Amino acid sequence: MAQSTFSVRMDETLKKQFDGLCQEFGMNASVAINVFARAVVRERRIPFEIASSDNEITREGALDAIRALRARAKANGVSGMTLDEINEEIRRARKGIDE
């Protein structure tokens, strides 16, 4: 099978950590990348979930945000507004109309 070169740029510290782990697994970085590529082709997807843990939205977090918005609306005296009234407020704000 013909071989091809694949170049990847990455942070130097990350590369050192990756190389170290690959050695622990009994392989080098090239073999690890090949294992990854074969899994992607075989499964026709990235073989793991890619997500941001910093901005993870949970049900409880969403409910907390809704509760906080309700409290602010009540404190500002606008908790009883209808959807039409809210949309009118938005329209007026976009046009720069003050009451």
PDB file of N, CA and C in Angstrom:
ATOM      1  N   MET A   1       0.842  -1.173   0.000  1.00  0.00           N
ATOM      2  CA  MET A   1       0.000   0.000   0.000  1.00  0.00           C
ATOM      3  C   MET A   1       0.889   1.238   0.000  1.00  0.00           C
ATOM      4  N   ALA A   2       0.583   2.187  -0.867  1.00  0.00           N
ATOM      5  CA  ALA A   2       1.346   3.426  -0.938  1.00  0.00           C
ATOM      6  C   ALA A   2       1.122   4.246   0.322  1.00  0.00           C
ATOM      7  N   GLN A   3       2.158   4.919   0.768  1.00  0.00           N
ATOM      8  CA  GLN A   3       2.100   5.740   1.967  1.00  0.00           C
ATOM      9  C   GLN A   3       2.018   7.207   1.573  1.00  0.00           C
ATOM     10  N   SER A   4       1.402   8.018   2.427  1.00  0.00           N
ATOM     11  CA  SER A   4       1.287   9.447   2.209  1.00  0.00           C
ATOM     12  C   SER A   4       1.613  10.147   3.520  1.00  0.00           C
ATOM     13  N   THR A   5       2.168  11.354   3.429  1.00  0.00           N
ATOM     14  CA  THR A   5       2.506  12.120   4.618  1.00  0.00           C
ATOM     15  C   THR A   5       1.346  13.043   4.980  1.00  0.00           C
ATOM     16  N   PHE A   6       1.099  13.166   6.274  1.00  0.00           N
ATOM     17  CA  PHE A   6       0.019  14.008   6.797  1.00  0.00           C
ATOM     18  C   PHE A   6       0.632  14.879   7.878  1.00  0.00           C
ATOM     19  N   SER A   7       0.633  16.184   7.702  1.00  0.00           N
ATOM     20  CA  SER A   7       1.225  17.121   8.665  1.00  0.00           C
ATOM     21  C   SER A   7       0.139  17.767   9.505  1.00  0.00           C
ATOM     22  N   VAL A   8       0.380  17.878  10.797  1.00  0.00           N
ATOM     23  CA  VAL A   8      -0.573  18.508  11.705  1.00  0.00           C
ATOM     24  C   VAL A   8       0.170  19.493  12.583  1.00  0.00           C
ATOM     25  N   ARG A   9      -0.377  20.681  12.747  1.00  0.00           N
ATOM     26  CA  ARG A   9       0.194  21.657  13.670  1.00  0.00           C
ATOM     27  C   ARG A   9      -0.576  21.571  14.979  1.00  0.00           C
ATOM     28  N   MET A  10       0.172  21.564  16.084  1.00  0.00           N
ATOM     29  CA  MET A  10      -0.478  21.585  17.392  1.00  0.00           C
ATOM     30  C   MET A  10       0.450  22.215  18.404  1.00  0.00           C
ATOM     31  N   ASP A  11      -0.128  22.621  19.501  1.00  0.00           N
ATOM     32  CA  ASP A  11       0.612  23.208  20.596  1.00  0.00           C
ATOM     33  C   ASP A  11       1.720  22.253  21.038  1.00  0.00           C
ATOM     34  N   GLU A  12       2.908  22.790  21.279  1.00  0.00           N
ATOM     35  CA  GLU A  12       4.068  21.974  21.641  1.00  0.00           C
ATOM     36  C   GLU A  12       3.827  21.158  22.913  1.00  0.00           C
ATOM     37  N   THR A  13       3.212  21.778  23.908  1.00  0.00           N
ATOM     38  CA  THR A  13       2.932  21.073  25.158  1.00  0.00           C
ATOM     39  C   THR A  13       1.952  19.927  24.927  1.00  0.00           C
ATOM     40  N   LEU A  14       0.915  20.177  24.131  1.00  0.00           N
ATOM     41  CA  LEU A  14      -0.049  19.134  23.806  1.00  0.00           C
ATOM     42  C   LEU A  14       0.632  17.974  23.094  1.00  0.00           C
ATOM     43  N   LYS A  15       1.532  18.285  22.157  1.00  0.00           N
ATOM     44  CA  LYS A  15       2.240  17.227  21.421  1.00  0.00           C
ATOM     45  C   LYS A  15       3.085  16.374  22.363  1.00  0.00           C
ATOM     46  N   LYS A  16       3.767  17.007  23.296  1.00  0.00           N
ATOM     47  CA  LYS A  16       4.569  16.249  24.258  1.00  0.00           C
ATOM     48  C   LYS A  16       3.684  15.332  25.099  1.00  0.00           C
ATOM     49  N   GLN A  17       2.544  15.859  25.550  1.00  0.00           N
ATOM     50  CA  GLN A  17       1.612  15.042  26.338  1.00  0.00           C
ATOM     51  C   GLN A  17       1.070  13.879  25.502  1.00  0.00           C
ATOM     52  N   PHE A  18       0.719  14.170  24.256  1.00  0.00           N
ATOM     53  CA  PHE A  18       0.185  13.148  23.344  1.00  0.00           C
ATOM     54  C   PHE A  18       1.235  12.076  23.086  1.00  0.00           C
ATOM     55  N   ASP A  19       2.470  12.491  22.779  1.00  0.00           N
ATOM     56  CA  ASP A  19       3.558  11.530  22.542  1.00  0.00           C
ATOM     57  C   ASP A  19       3.774  10.638  23.758  1.00  0.00           C
ATOM     58  N   GLY A  20       3.737  11.249  24.953  1.00  0.00           N
ATOM     59  CA  GLY A  20       3.937  10.483  26.183  1.00  0.00           C
ATOM     60  C   GLY A  20       2.852   9.431  26.388  1.00  0.00           C
ATOM     61  N   LEU A  21       1.606   9.821  26.155  1.00  0.00           N
ATOM     62  CA  LEU A  21       0.510   8.866  26.305  1.00  0.00           C
ATOM     63  C   LEU A  21       0.584   7.768  25.255  1.00  0.00           C
ATOM     64  N   CYS A  22       0.916   8.147  24.036  1.00  0.00           N
ATOM     65  CA  CYS A  22       1.051   7.140  22.972  1.00  0.00           C
ATOM     66  C   CYS A  22       2.100   6.104  23.360  1.00  0.00           C
ATOM     67  N   GLN A  23       3.221   6.566  23.922  1.00  0.00           N
ATOM     68  CA  GLN A  23       4.265   5.637  24.370  1.00  0.00           C
ATOM     69  C   GLN A  23       3.722   4.696  25.443  1.00  0.00           C
ATOM     70  N   GLU A  24       2.932   5.236  26.363  1.00  0.00           N
ATOM     71  CA  GLU A  24       2.326   4.402  27.401  1.00  0.00           C
ATOM     72  C   GLU A  24       1.419   3.339  26.792  1.00  0.00           C
ATOM     73  N   PHE A  25       0.779   3.668  25.672  1.00  0.00           N
ATOM     74  CA  PHE A  25      -0.108   2.724  24.992  1.00  0.00           C
ATOM     75  C   PHE A  25       0.659   1.762  24.088  1.00  0.00           C
ATOM     76  N   GLY A  26       1.980   1.964  23.995  1.00  0.00           N
ATOM     77  CA  GLY A  26       2.808   1.082  23.180  1.00  0.00           C
ATOM     78  C   GLY A  26       2.797   1.414  21.700  1.00  0.00           C
ATOM     79  N   MET A  27       2.602   2.672  21.380  1.00  0.00           N
ATOM     80  CA  MET A  27       2.593   3.101  19.978  1.00  0.00           C
ATOM     81  C   MET A  27       3.190   4.498  19.889  1.00  0.00           C
ATOM     82  N   ASN A  28       3.411   4.951  18.661  1.00  0.00           N
ATOM     83  CA  ASN A  28       3.849   6.336  18.489  1.00  0.00           C
ATOM     84  C   ASN A  28       2.677   7.171  17.980  1.00  0.00           C
ATOM     85  N   ALA A  29       2.888   8.473  17.853  1.00  0.00           N
ATOM     86  CA  ALA A  29       1.807   9.383  17.448  1.00  0.00           C
ATOM     87  C   ALA A  29       1.270   9.027  16.060  1.00  0.00           C
ATOM     88  N   SER A  30       2.140   8.620  15.160  1.00  0.00           N
ATOM     89  CA  SER A  30       1.712   8.265  13.801  1.00  0.00           C
ATOM     90  C   SER A  30       0.735   7.090  13.824  1.00  0.00           C
ATOM     91  N   VAL A  31       1.050   6.073  14.616  1.00  0.00           N
ATOM     92  CA  VAL A  31       0.157   4.913  14.730  1.00  0.00           C
ATOM     93  C   VAL A  31      -1.170   5.344  15.349  1.00  0.00           C
ATOM     94  N   ALA A  32      -1.127   6.195  16.377  1.00  0.00           N
ATOM     95  CA  ALA A  32      -2.354   6.653  17.034  1.00  0.00           C
ATOM     96  C   ALA A  32      -3.247   7.418  16.052  1.00  0.00           C
ATOM     97  N   ILE A  33      -2.654   8.281  15.240  1.00  0.00           N
ATOM     98  CA  ILE A  33      -3.435   9.037  14.247  1.00  0.00           C
ATOM     99  C   ILE A  33      -4.038   8.086  13.223  1.00  0.00           C
ATOM    100  N   ASN A  34      -3.281   7.069  12.822  1.00  0.00           N
ATOM    101  CA  ASN A  34      -3.810   6.070  11.885  1.00  0.00           C
ATOM    102  C   ASN A  34      -4.974   5.295  12.500  1.00  0.00           C
ATOM    103  N   VAL A  35      -4.877   4.946  13.778  1.00  0.00           N
ATOM    104  CA  VAL A  35      -5.972   4.262  14.467  1.00  0.00           C
ATOM    105  C   VAL A  35      -7.220   5.147  14.445  1.00  0.00           C
ATOM    106  N   PHE A  36      -7.028   6.437  14.753  1.00  0.00           N
ATOM    107  CA  PHE A  36      -8.136   7.386  14.731  1.00  0.00           C
ATOM    108  C   PHE A  36      -8.754   7.474  13.338  1.00  0.00           C
ATOM    109  N   ALA A  37      -7.919   7.625  12.299  1.00  0.00           N
ATOM    110  CA  ALA A  37      -8.415   7.761  10.928  1.00  0.00           C
ATOM    111  C   ALA A  37      -9.191   6.512  10.498  1.00  0.00           C
ATOM    112  N   ARG A  38      -8.680   5.339  10.855  1.00  0.00           N
ATOM    113  CA  ARG A  38      -9.384   4.094  10.496  1.00  0.00           C
ATOM    114  C   ARG A  38     -10.751   4.019  11.187  1.00  0.00           C
ATOM    115  N   ALA A  39     -10.815   4.442  12.440  1.00  0.00           N
ATOM    116  CA  ALA A  39     -12.089   4.428  13.165  1.00  0.00           C
ATOM    117  C   ALA A  39     -13.088   5.394  12.530  1.00  0.00           C
ATOM    118  N   VAL A  40     -12.623   6.575  12.122  1.00  0.00           N
ATOM    119  CA  VAL A  40     -13.501   7.558  11.471  1.00  0.00           C
ATOM    120  C   VAL A  40     -14.058   6.988  10.176  1.00  0.00           C
ATOM    121  N   VAL A  41     -13.188   6.388   9.365  1.00  0.00           N
ATOM    122  CA  VAL A  41     -13.626   5.827   8.088  1.00  0.00           C
ATOM    123  C   VAL A  41     -14.572   4.642   8.313  1.00  0.00           C
ATOM    124  N   ARG A  42     -14.213   3.754   9.243  1.00  0.00           N
ATOM    125  CA  ARG A  42     -15.032   2.568   9.512  1.00  0.00           C
ATOM    126  C   ARG A  42     -16.420   2.949  10.018  1.00  0.00           C
ATOM    127  N   GLU A  43     -16.481   3.884  10.973  1.00  0.00           N
ATOM    128  CA  GLU A  43     -17.744   4.262  11.605  1.00  0.00           C
ATOM    129  C   GLU A  43     -18.462   5.398  10.884  1.00  0.00           C
ATOM    130  N   ARG A  44     -17.748   6.067   9.984  1.00  0.00           N
ATOM    131  CA  ARG A  44     -18.289   7.197   9.224  1.00  0.00           C
ATOM    132  C   ARG A  44     -18.761   8.314  10.150  1.00  0.00           C
ATOM    133  N   ARG A  45     -18.010   8.522  11.239  1.00  0.00           N
ATOM    134  CA  ARG A  45     -18.280   9.576  12.206  1.00  0.00           C
ATOM    135  C   ARG A  45     -17.049   9.732  13.086  1.00  0.00           C
ATOM    136  N   ILE A  46     -16.976  10.845  13.823  1.00  0.00           N
ATOM    137  CA  ILE A  46     -15.930  11.003  14.826  1.00  0.00           C
ATOM    138  C   ILE A  46     -16.277  10.016  15.944  1.00  0.00           C
ATOM    139  N   PRO A  47     -15.360   9.142  16.326  1.00  0.00           N
ATOM    140  CA  PRO A  47     -15.712   8.059  17.256  1.00  0.00           C
ATOM    141  C   PRO A  47     -15.810   8.464  18.726  1.00  0.00           C
ATOM    142  N   PHE A  48     -16.057   9.717  18.997  1.00  0.00           N
ATOM    143  CA  PHE A  48     -16.275  10.180  20.360  1.00  0.00           C
ATOM    144  C   PHE A  48     -17.061  11.469  20.297  1.00  0.00           C
ATOM    145  N   GLU A  49     -17.686  11.826  21.412  1.00  0.00           N
ATOM    146  CA  GLU A  49     -18.477  13.048  21.462  1.00  0.00           C
ATOM    147  C   GLU A  49     -17.567  14.251  21.609  1.00  0.00           C
ATOM    148  N   ILE A  50     -17.851  15.288  20.851  1.00  0.00           N
ATOM    149  CA  ILE A  50     -17.125  16.547  20.961  1.00  0.00           C
ATOM    150  C   ILE A  50     -18.080  17.546  21.587  1.00  0.00           C
ATOM    151  N   ALA A  51     -17.720  18.033  22.775  1.00  0.00           N
ATOM    152  CA  ALA A  51     -18.597  18.946  23.492  1.00  0.00           C
ATOM    153  C   ALA A  51     -17.760  19.903  24.317  1.00  0.00           C
ATOM    154  N   SER A  52     -18.347  21.021  24.639  1.00  0.00           N
ATOM    155  CA  SER A  52     -17.696  21.991  25.499  1.00  0.00           C
ATOM    156  C   SER A  52     -18.235  21.824  26.905  1.00  0.00           C
ATOM    157  N   SER A  53     -17.381  21.462  27.821  1.00  0.00           N
ATOM    158  CA  SER A  53     -17.838  21.284  29.199  1.00  0.00           C
ATOM    159  C   SER A  53     -18.048  22.625  29.897  1.00  0.00           C
ATOM    160  N   ASP A  54     -17.387  23.669  29.415  1.00  0.00           N
ATOM    161  CA  ASP A  54     -17.536  24.980  30.046  1.00  0.00           C
ATOM    162  C   ASP A  54     -18.923  25.573  29.841  1.00  0.00           C
ATOM    163  N   ASN A  55     -19.534  25.287  28.722  1.00  0.00           N
ATOM    164  CA  ASN A  55     -20.832  25.884  28.400  1.00  0.00           C
ATOM    165  C   ASN A  55     -21.936  24.839  28.328  1.00  0.00           C
ATOM    166  N   GLU A  56     -21.764  23.764  29.045  1.00  0.00           N
ATOM    167  CA  GLU A  56     -22.754  22.699  28.998  1.00  0.00           C
ATOM    168  C   GLU A  56     -24.077  23.198  29.588  1.00  0.00           C
ATOM    169  N   ILE A  57     -25.139  22.993  28.837  1.00  0.00           N
ATOM    170  CA  ILE A  57     -26.459  23.404  29.285  1.00  0.00           C
ATOM    171  C   ILE A  57     -27.162  22.183  29.862  1.00  0.00           C
ATOM    172  N   THR A  58     -27.537  22.296  31.109  1.00  0.00           N
ATOM    173  CA  THR A  58     -28.258  21.213  31.761  1.00  0.00           C
ATOM    174  C   THR A  58     -29.692  21.646  32.004  1.00  0.00           C
ATOM    175  N   ARG A  59     -30.536  20.702  32.249  1.00  0.00           N
ATOM    176  CA  ARG A  59     -31.938  21.010  32.550  1.00  0.00           C
ATOM    177  C   ARG A  59     -32.017  21.918  33.778  1.00  0.00           C
ATOM    178  N   GLU A  60     -31.258  21.587  34.817  1.00  0.00           N
ATOM    179  CA  GLU A  60     -31.292  22.385  36.037  1.00  0.00           C
ATOM    180  C   GLU A  60     -30.743  23.793  35.780  1.00  0.00           C
ATOM    181  N   GLY A  61     -29.683  23.900  34.974  1.00  0.00           N
ATOM    182  CA  GLY A  61     -29.132  25.210  34.646  1.00  0.00           C
ATOM    183  C   GLY A  61     -30.115  26.063  33.872  1.00  0.00           C
ATOM    184  N   ALA A  62     -30.837  25.435  32.938  1.00  0.00           N
ATOM    185  CA  ALA A  62     -31.839  26.166  32.160  1.00  0.00           C
ATOM    186  C   ALA A  62     -32.982  26.635  33.062  1.00  0.00           C
ATOM    187  N   LEU A  63     -33.413  25.753  33.962  1.00  0.00           N
ATOM    188  CA  LEU A  63     -34.481  26.141  34.896  1.00  0.00           C
ATOM    189  C   LEU A  63     -34.028  27.275  35.808  1.00  0.00           C
ATOM    190  N   ASP A  64     -32.780  27.229  36.261  1.00  0.00           N
ATOM    191  CA  ASP A  64     -32.248  28.325  37.084  1.00  0.00           C
ATOM    192  C   ASP A  64     -32.269  29.639  36.316  1.00  0.00           C
ATOM    193  N   ALA A  65     -31.912  29.597  35.030  1.00  0.00           N
ATOM    194  CA  ALA A  65     -31.906  30.809  34.206  1.00  0.00           C
ATOM    195  C   ALA A  65     -33.317  31.359  34.050  1.00  0.00           C
ATOM    196  N   ILE A  66     -34.289  30.479  33.835  1.00  0.00           N
ATOM    197  CA  ILE A  66     -35.687  30.912  33.702  1.00  0.00           C
ATOM    198  C   ILE A  66     -36.175  31.531  35.006  1.00  0.00           C
ATOM    199  N   ARG A  67     -35.852  30.894  36.123  1.00  0.00           N
ATOM    200  CA  ARG A  67     -36.258  31.439  37.430  1.00  0.00           C
ATOM    201  C   ARG A  67     -35.660  32.828  37.660  1.00  0.00           C
ATOM    202  N   ALA A  68     -34.400  32.995  37.278  1.00  0.00           N
ATOM    203  CA  ALA A  68     -33.736  34.289  37.446  1.00  0.00           C
ATOM    204  C   ALA A  68     -34.399  35.354  36.569  1.00  0.00           C
ATOM    205  N   LEU A  69     -34.747  34.991  35.345  1.00  0.00           N
ATOM    206  CA  LEU A  69     -35.433  35.941  34.453  1.00  0.00           C
ATOM    207  C   LEU A  69     -36.800  36.316  35.000  1.00  0.00           C
ATOM    208  N   ARG A  70     -37.522  35.336  35.532  1.00  0.00           N
ATOM    209  CA  ARG A  70     -38.830  35.627  36.125  1.00  0.00           C
ATOM    210  C   ARG A  70     -38.694  36.588  37.301  1.00  0.00           C
ATOM    211  N   ALA A  71     -37.691  36.363  38.139  1.00  0.00           N
ATOM    212  CA  ALA A  71     -37.470  37.233  39.307  1.00  0.00           C
ATOM    213  C   ALA A  71     -37.150  38.653  38.857  1.00  0.00           C
ATOM    214  N   ARG A  72     -36.320  38.791  37.809  1.00  0.00           N
ATOM    215  CA  ARG A  72     -35.989  40.130  37.305  1.00  0.00           C
ATOM    216  C   ARG A  72     -37.216  40.806  36.714  1.00  0.00           C
ATOM    217  N   ALA A  73     -38.041  40.036  35.989  1.00  0.00           N
ATOM    218  CA  ALA A  73     -39.257  40.600  35.409  1.00  0.00           C
ATOM    219  C   ALA A  73     -40.194  41.085  36.508  1.00  0.00           C
ATOM    220  N   LYS A  74     -40.326  40.289  37.567  1.00  0.00           N
ATOM    221  CA  LYS A  74     -41.193  40.684  38.686  1.00  0.00           C
ATOM    222  C   LYS A  74     -40.655  41.941  39.366  1.00  0.00           C
ATOM    223  N   ALA A  75     -39.334  41.982  39.583  1.00  0.00           N
ATOM    224  CA  ALA A  75     -38.712  43.147  40.232  1.00  0.00           C
ATOM    225  C   ALA A  75     -38.880  44.408  39.390  1.00  0.00           C
ATOM    226  N   ASN A  76     -38.924  44.260  38.070  1.00  0.00           N
ATOM    227  CA  ASN A  76     -39.073  45.410  37.178  1.00  0.00           C
ATOM    228  C   ASN A  76     -40.530  45.717  36.842  1.00  0.00           C
ATOM    229  N   GLY A  77     -41.440  44.947  37.445  1.00  0.00           N
ATOM    230  CA  GLY A  77     -42.858  45.214  37.234  1.00  0.00           C
ATOM    231  C   GLY A  77     -43.378  44.813  35.869  1.00  0.00           C
ATOM    232  N   VAL A  78     -42.740  43.862  35.216  1.00  0.00           N
ATOM    233  CA  VAL A  78     -43.186  43.458  33.880  1.00  0.00           C
ATOM    234  C   VAL A  78     -43.503  41.961  33.804  1.00  0.00           C
ATOM    235  N   SER A  79     -43.748  41.347  34.942  1.00  0.00           N
ATOM    236  CA  SER A  79     -43.974  39.891  34.942  1.00  0.00           C
ATOM    237  C   SER A  79     -45.311  39.490  34.346  1.00  0.00           C
ATOM    238  N   GLY A  80     -46.269  40.425  34.268  1.00  0.00           N
ATOM    239  CA  GLY A  80     -47.592  40.076  33.742  1.00  0.00           C
ATOM    240  C   GLY A  80     -47.784  40.433  32.287  1.00  0.00           C
ATOM    241  N   MET A  81     -46.729  40.745  31.560  1.00  0.00           N
ATOM    242  CA  MET A  81     -46.867  41.163  30.160  1.00  0.00           C
ATOM    243  C   MET A  81     -47.279  39.988  29.270  1.00  0.00           C
ATOM    244  N   THR A  82     -48.131  40.299  28.277  1.00  0.00           N
ATOM    245  CA  THR A  82     -48.508  39.293  27.284  1.00  0.00           C
ATOM    246  C   THR A  82     -47.411  39.206  26.228  1.00  0.00           C
ATOM    247  N   LEU A  83     -47.474  38.178  25.405  1.00  0.00           N
ATOM    248  CA  LEU A  83     -46.501  38.027  24.328  1.00  0.00           C
ATOM    249  C   LEU A  83     -46.580  39.211  23.368  1.00  0.00           C
ATOM    250  N   ASP A  84     -47.782  39.677  23.078  1.00  0.00           N
ATOM    251  CA  ASP A  84     -47.938  40.848  22.199  1.00  0.00           C
ATOM    252  C   ASP A  84     -47.281  42.086  22.809  1.00  0.00           C
ATOM    253  N   GLU A  85     -47.444  42.268  24.120  1.00  0.00           N
ATOM    254  CA  GLU A  85     -46.822  43.412  24.795  1.00  0.00           C
ATOM    255  C   GLU A  85     -45.292  43.302  24.779  1.00  0.00           C
ATOM    256  N   ILE A  86     -44.798  42.095  24.971  1.00  0.00           N
ATOM    257  CA  ILE A  86     -43.341  41.879  24.924  1.00  0.00           C
ATOM    258  C   ILE A  86     -42.809  42.194  23.534  1.00  0.00           C
ATOM    259  N   ASN A  87     -43.496  41.698  22.502  1.00  0.00           N
ATOM    260  CA  ASN A  87     -43.062  41.955  21.127  1.00  0.00           C
ATOM    261  C   ASN A  87     -43.121  43.439  20.788  1.00  0.00           C
ATOM    262  N   GLU A  88     -44.122  44.134  21.315  1.00  0.00           N
ATOM    263  CA  GLU A  88     -44.216  45.585  21.093  1.00  0.00           C
ATOM    264  C   GLU A  88     -43.050  46.303  21.770  1.00  0.00           C
ATOM    265  N   GLU A  89     -42.689  45.881  22.981  1.00  0.00           N
ATOM    266  CA  GLU A  89     -41.523  46.453  23.674  1.00  0.00           C
ATOM    267  C   GLU A  89     -40.256  46.248  22.850  1.00  0.00           C
ATOM    268  N   ILE A  90     -40.101  45.068  22.308  1.00  0.00           N
ATOM    269  CA  ILE A  90     -38.919  44.769  21.479  1.00  0.00           C
ATOM    270  C   ILE A  90     -38.911  45.657  20.244  1.00  0.00           C
ATOM    271  N   ARG A  91     -40.082  45.778  19.581  1.00  0.00           N
ATOM    272  CA  ARG A  91     -40.182  46.615  18.379  1.00  0.00           C
ATOM    273  C   ARG A  91     -39.810  48.056  18.697  1.00  0.00           C
ATOM    274  N   ARG A  92     -40.328  48.562  19.802  1.00  0.00           N
ATOM    275  CA  ARG A  92     -40.057  49.952  20.190  1.00  0.00           C
ATOM    276  C   ARG A  92     -38.573  50.127  20.542  1.00  0.00           C
ATOM    277  N   ALA A  93     -37.991  49.161  21.217  1.00  0.00           N
ATOM    278  CA  ALA A  93     -36.575  49.247  21.583  1.00  0.00           C
ATOM    279  C   ALA A  93     -35.711  49.268  20.333  1.00  0.00           C
ATOM    280  N   ARG A  94     -36.064  48.460  19.362  1.00  0.00           N
ATOM    281  CA  ARG A  94     -35.288  48.414  18.110  1.00  0.00           C
ATOM    282  C   ARG A  94     -35.359  49.734  17.355  1.00  0.00           C
ATOM    283  N   LYS A  95     -36.482  50.409  17.464  1.00  0.00           N
ATOM    284  CA  LYS A  95     -36.663  51.697  16.790  1.00  0.00           C
ATOM    285  C   LYS A  95     -36.169  52.863  17.643  1.00  0.00           C
ATOM    286  N   GLY A  96     -35.795  52.596  18.882  1.00  0.00           N
ATOM    287  CA  GLY A  96     -35.310  53.649  19.764  1.00  0.00           C
ATOM    288  C   GLY A  96     -36.407  54.520  20.309  1.00  0.00           C
ATOM    289  N   ILE A  97     -37.597  53.969  20.442  1.00  0.00           N
ATOM    290  CA  ILE A  97     -38.746  54.744  20.943  1.00  0.00           C
ATOM    291  C   ILE A  97     -38.828  54.574  22.467  1.00  0.00           C
ATOM    292  N   ASP A  98     -38.821  55.700  23.176  1.00  0.00           N
ATOM    293  CA  ASP A  98     -39.010  55.680  24.626  1.00  0.00           C
ATOM    294  C   ASP A  98     -40.403  56.155  24.946  1.00  0.00           C
ATOM    295  N   GLU A  99     -40.942  55.674  26.043  1.00  0.00           N
ATOM    296  CA  GLU A  99     -42.268  56.149  26.453  1.00  0.00           C
ATOM    297  C   GLU A  99     -42.137  57.333  27.338  1.00  0.00           C
TER     298      GLU A  99
END
